[in-house]
Structure formats: C-alpha cells, structure tokens
Amino acid sequence: MIEEKLALLKGFYEQTINMKKAVEAGRDAEVFAMLEERQECIAAIDQLDQQAGKILMNEEVRQQLQHQMLLEAEMKHKLEQALKKLSQRMRSQQNESFLTKQYEEIIPVSKGIFYDSKK
C-alpha cells in the first residue's frame, strides 16, 4: 500500500510542477483543469489511507511530502501574483466601462424625420 501511495504522491508532485509551468506561462485556463486532477489525486490518497485504517507513512513518504510542501509554497506565491494581475485587469476594464458610460447621452433624442411646419 505504501508503494501505491508513493506512486500517487509522485503523480501529484508532477501535476503540481505542470501546474506551476502553466501559471508561469500565463495559461490560466489550464490551471482549473489541473486543480481538479490534483483534487482527484488527493481523494485517491485519502481513500488509500482510509482503507489501511491509518495514515500510511514512512521516510520516503515524508521526503516526498517535504518536496511537495516546498513546491506548494512556490505555487502559492505564483498564484497570488496571477490573482493580482487578474484583479488589476478586471478593475481597469470596470473603470473603462464606467468612463464610457459617463459620456453617453443622458437625454434620448428622437432620430426620426423632422418636417418643416412653415411650408
């Protein structure tokens, strides 16, 4: 069972690396799919531990988790930066929308045909 857990942890680590690369490359759309894959992997690891009746742990698993924690810390920083960029982009688009609405005609003007009543 520990070998299965190690294999799942290595897969989880590789998924995290791929997700980090996607964030760095600016492929934000792929990140959500990768998060779902990672969540499935976490669920599989949790199910393995539940089947064993305890948390399966040895020195290799600890080392793998240590590496994962370091990578997660880097990912957290990258994701926070991406979130800041997205929120700034949203704010600028909202400001543009507000500015364009500010100069629209307030009183609607009929654009029909006008007849000269003096003729």
C-alpha atoms as a PDB file:
ATOM      1  CA  MET A   1       0.000   0.000   0.000  1.00  0.00           C
ATOM      2  CA  ILE A   2       2.873   2.355   0.715  1.00  0.00           C
ATOM      3  CA  GLU A   3       4.172   1.796  -2.821  1.00  0.00           C
ATOM      4  CA  GLU A   4       0.768   2.791  -4.187  1.00  0.00           C
ATOM      5  CA  LYS A   5       0.766   5.901  -2.014  1.00  0.00           C
ATOM      6  CA  LEU A   6       4.274   6.815  -3.188  1.00  0.00           C
ATOM      7  CA  ALA A   7       3.194   6.428  -6.810  1.00  0.00           C
ATOM      8  CA  LEU A   8       0.175   8.670  -6.185  1.00  0.00           C
ATOM      9  CA  LEU A   9       2.329  11.241  -4.390  1.00  0.00           C
ATOM     10  CA  LYS A  10       4.816  11.291  -7.277  1.00  0.00           C
ATOM     11  CA  GLY A  11       1.949  11.802  -9.719  1.00  0.00           C
ATOM     12  CA  PHE A  12       0.633  14.596  -7.518  1.00  0.00           C
ATOM     13  CA  TYR A  13       4.091  16.203  -7.480  1.00  0.00           C
ATOM     14  CA  GLU A  14       4.332  16.026 -11.289  1.00  0.00           C
ATOM     15  CA  GLN A  15       0.858  17.566 -11.627  1.00  0.00           C
ATOM     16  CA  THR A  16       1.959  20.390  -9.339  1.00  0.00           C
ATOM     17  CA  ILE A  17       5.065  21.004 -11.454  1.00  0.00           C
ATOM     18  CA  ASN A  18       2.938  21.093 -14.620  1.00  0.00           C
ATOM     19  CA  MET A  19       0.530  23.492 -12.966  1.00  0.00           C
ATOM     20  CA  LYS A  20       3.404  25.754 -11.920  1.00  0.00           C
ATOM     21  CA  LYS A  21       4.665  25.817 -15.510  1.00  0.00           C
ATOM     22  CA  ALA A  22       1.177  26.677 -16.767  1.00  0.00           C
ATOM     23  CA  VAL A  23       0.884  29.560 -14.296  1.00  0.00           C
ATOM     24  CA  GLU A  24       4.314  30.878 -15.270  1.00  0.00           C
ATOM     25  CA  ALA A  25       3.429  30.661 -18.979  1.00  0.00           C
ATOM     26  CA  GLY A  26       0.150  32.503 -18.405  1.00  0.00           C
ATOM     27  CA  ARG A  27      -2.111  29.601 -19.409  1.00  0.00           C
ATOM     28  CA  ASP A  28      -4.693  30.378 -16.750  1.00  0.00           C
ATOM     29  CA  ALA A  29      -7.461  28.351 -18.378  1.00  0.00           C
ATOM     30  CA  GLU A  30      -5.496  25.114 -17.943  1.00  0.00           C
ATOM     31  CA  VAL A  31      -4.897  25.727 -14.240  1.00  0.00           C
ATOM     32  CA  PHE A  32      -8.502  24.981 -13.238  1.00  0.00           C
ATOM     33  CA  ALA A  33      -8.462  21.598 -15.005  1.00  0.00           C
ATOM     34  CA  MET A  34      -5.149  20.787 -13.332  1.00  0.00           C
ATOM     35  CA  LEU A  35      -6.581  21.709  -9.943  1.00  0.00           C
ATOM     36  CA  GLU A  36      -9.392  19.211 -10.484  1.00  0.00           C
ATOM     37  CA  GLU A  37      -6.878  16.491 -11.424  1.00  0.00           C
ATOM     38  CA  ARG A  38      -4.892  17.227  -8.268  1.00  0.00           C
ATOM     39  CA  GLN A  39      -8.071  17.046  -6.197  1.00  0.00           C
ATOM     40  CA  GLU A  40      -8.817  13.602  -7.632  1.00  0.00           C
ATOM     41  CA  CYS A  41      -5.301  12.507  -6.712  1.00  0.00           C
ATOM     42  CA  ILE A  42      -5.764  13.790  -3.150  1.00  0.00           C
ATOM     43  CA  ALA A  43      -9.027  11.865  -2.898  1.00  0.00           C
ATOM     44  CA  ALA A  44      -7.277   8.671  -4.064  1.00  0.00           C
ATOM     45  CA  ILE A  45      -4.522   9.128  -1.462  1.00  0.00           C
ATOM     46  CA  ASP A  46      -7.109   9.745   1.244  1.00  0.00           C
ATOM     47  CA  GLN A  47      -9.062   6.646   0.215  1.00  0.00           C
ATOM     48  CA  LEU A  48      -5.867   4.565   0.399  1.00  0.00           C
ATOM     49  CA  ASP A  49      -5.232   5.803   3.944  1.00  0.00           C
ATOM     50  CA  GLN A  50      -8.825   5.047   4.942  1.00  0.00           C
ATOM     51  CA  GLN A  51      -8.553   1.519   3.571  1.00  0.00           C
ATOM     52  CA  ALA A  52      -5.436   0.973   5.662  1.00  0.00           C
ATOM     53  CA  GLY A  53      -7.187   2.356   8.726  1.00  0.00           C
ATOM     54  CA  LYS A  54      -4.321   4.756   9.410  1.00  0.00           C
ATOM     55  CA  ILE A  55      -2.163   7.290   7.627  1.00  0.00           C
ATOM     56  CA  LEU A  56       0.469   5.365   5.729  1.00  0.00           C
ATOM     57  CA  MET A  57       3.828   6.953   6.480  1.00  0.00           C
ATOM     58  CA  ASN A  58       7.489   6.063   6.146  1.00  0.00           C
ATOM     59  CA  GLU A  59      10.686   8.013   5.450  1.00  0.00           C
ATOM     60  CA  GLU A  60      10.164   8.093   1.667  1.00  0.00           C
ATOM     61  CA  VAL A  61       6.631   9.404   2.071  1.00  0.00           C
ATOM     62  CA  ARG A  62       7.900  12.096   4.468  1.00  0.00           C
ATOM     63  CA  GLN A  63      10.559  13.183   1.984  1.00  0.00           C
ATOM     64  CA  GLN A  64       8.036  13.300  -0.840  1.00  0.00           C
ATOM     65  CA  LEU A  65       5.715  15.411   1.315  1.00  0.00           C
ATOM     66  CA  GLN A  66       8.597  17.751   2.193  1.00  0.00           C
ATOM     67  CA  HIS A  67       9.330  18.301  -1.508  1.00  0.00           C
ATOM     68  CA  GLN A  68       5.625  18.841  -2.129  1.00  0.00           C
ATOM     69  CA  MET A  69       5.404  21.458   0.626  1.00  0.00           C
ATOM     70  CA  LEU A  70       8.315  23.437  -0.855  1.00  0.00           C
ATOM     71  CA  LEU A  71       6.726  23.345  -4.295  1.00  0.00           C
ATOM     72  CA  GLU A  72       3.353  24.346  -2.843  1.00  0.00           C
ATOM     73  CA  ALA A  73       4.945  27.406  -1.219  1.00  0.00           C
ATOM     74  CA  GLU A  74       6.352  28.483  -4.604  1.00  0.00           C
ATOM     75  CA  MET A  75       2.983  27.812  -6.248  1.00  0.00           C
ATOM     76  CA  LYS A  76       1.176  29.891  -3.653  1.00  0.00           C
ATOM     77  CA  HIS A  77       3.362  32.878  -4.471  1.00  0.00           C
ATOM     78  CA  LYS A  78       2.859  32.428  -8.247  1.00  0.00           C
ATOM     79  CA  LEU A  79      -0.913  32.049  -7.860  1.00  0.00           C
ATOM     80  CA  GLU A  80      -1.118  35.173  -5.707  1.00  0.00           C
ATOM     81  CA  GLN A  81       0.725  37.116  -8.411  1.00  0.00           C
ATOM     82  CA  ALA A  82      -1.617  35.781 -11.096  1.00  0.00           C
ATOM     83  CA  LEU A  83      -4.630  36.727  -8.964  1.00  0.00           C
ATOM     84  CA  LYS A  84      -3.290  40.273  -8.552  1.00  0.00           C
ATOM     85  CA  LYS A  85      -2.819  40.603 -12.321  1.00  0.00           C
ATOM     86  CA  LEU A  86      -6.345  39.369 -12.989  1.00  0.00           C
ATOM     87  CA  SER A  87      -7.887  41.668 -10.405  1.00  0.00           C
ATOM     88  CA  GLN A  88      -5.986  44.651 -11.837  1.00  0.00           C
ATOM     89  CA  ARG A  89      -7.199  43.763 -15.328  1.00  0.00           C
ATOM     90  CA  MET A  90     -10.777  43.492 -14.061  1.00  0.00           C
ATOM     91  CA  ARG A  91     -10.501  46.830 -12.270  1.00  0.00           C
ATOM     92  CA  SER A  92      -9.167  48.572 -15.379  1.00  0.00           C
ATOM     93  CA  GLN A  93     -11.981  47.119 -17.518  1.00  0.00           C
ATOM     94  CA  GLN A  94     -14.570  48.268 -14.988  1.00  0.00           C
ATOM     95  CA  ASN A  95     -13.041  51.755 -14.997  1.00  0.00           C
ATOM     96  CA  GLU A  96     -13.137  51.849 -18.807  1.00  0.00           C
ATOM     97  CA  SER A  97     -16.779  50.809 -18.775  1.00  0.00           C
ATOM     98  CA  PHE A  98     -17.600  53.484 -16.203  1.00  0.00           C
ATOM     99  CA  LEU A  99     -15.813  56.198 -18.189  1.00  0.00           C
ATOM    100  CA  THR A 100     -17.557  55.347 -21.448  1.00  0.00           C
ATOM    101  CA  LYS A 101     -20.971  55.289 -19.758  1.00  0.00           C
ATOM    102  CA  GLN A 102     -20.264  58.667 -18.213  1.00  0.00           C
ATOM    103  CA  TYR A 103     -20.159  60.383 -21.612  1.00  0.00           C
ATOM    104  CA  GLU A 104     -23.168  58.717 -23.193  1.00  0.00           C
ATOM    105  CA  GLU A 105     -26.208  60.831 -23.953  1.00  0.00           C
ATOM    106  CA  ILE A 106     -28.307  61.202 -20.863  1.00  0.00           C
ATOM    107  CA  ILE A 107     -31.454  62.503 -22.620  1.00  0.00           C
ATOM    108  CA  PRO A 108     -32.556  60.325 -25.500  1.00  0.00           C
ATOM    109  CA  VAL A 109     -33.031  62.239 -28.738  1.00  0.00           C
ATOM    110  CA  SER A 110     -35.508  61.129 -31.347  1.00  0.00           C
ATOM    111  CA  LYS A 111     -33.740  60.312 -34.559  1.00  0.00           C
ATOM    112  CA  GLY A 112     -36.891  60.474 -36.696  1.00  0.00           C
ATOM    113  CA  ILE A 113     -37.686  62.647 -39.670  1.00  0.00           C
ATOM    114  CA  PHE A 114     -38.397  66.280 -38.952  1.00  0.00           C
ATOM    115  CA  TYR A 115     -40.942  68.157 -41.102  1.00  0.00           C
ATOM    116  CA  ASP A 116     -40.772  71.855 -41.641  1.00  0.00           C
ATOM    117  CA  SER A 117     -44.110  73.208 -40.426  1.00  0.00           C
ATOM    118  CA  LYS A 118     -43.717  76.554 -42.235  1.00  0.00           C
ATOM    119  CA  LYS A 119     -44.180  75.076 -45.728  1.00  0.00           C
END
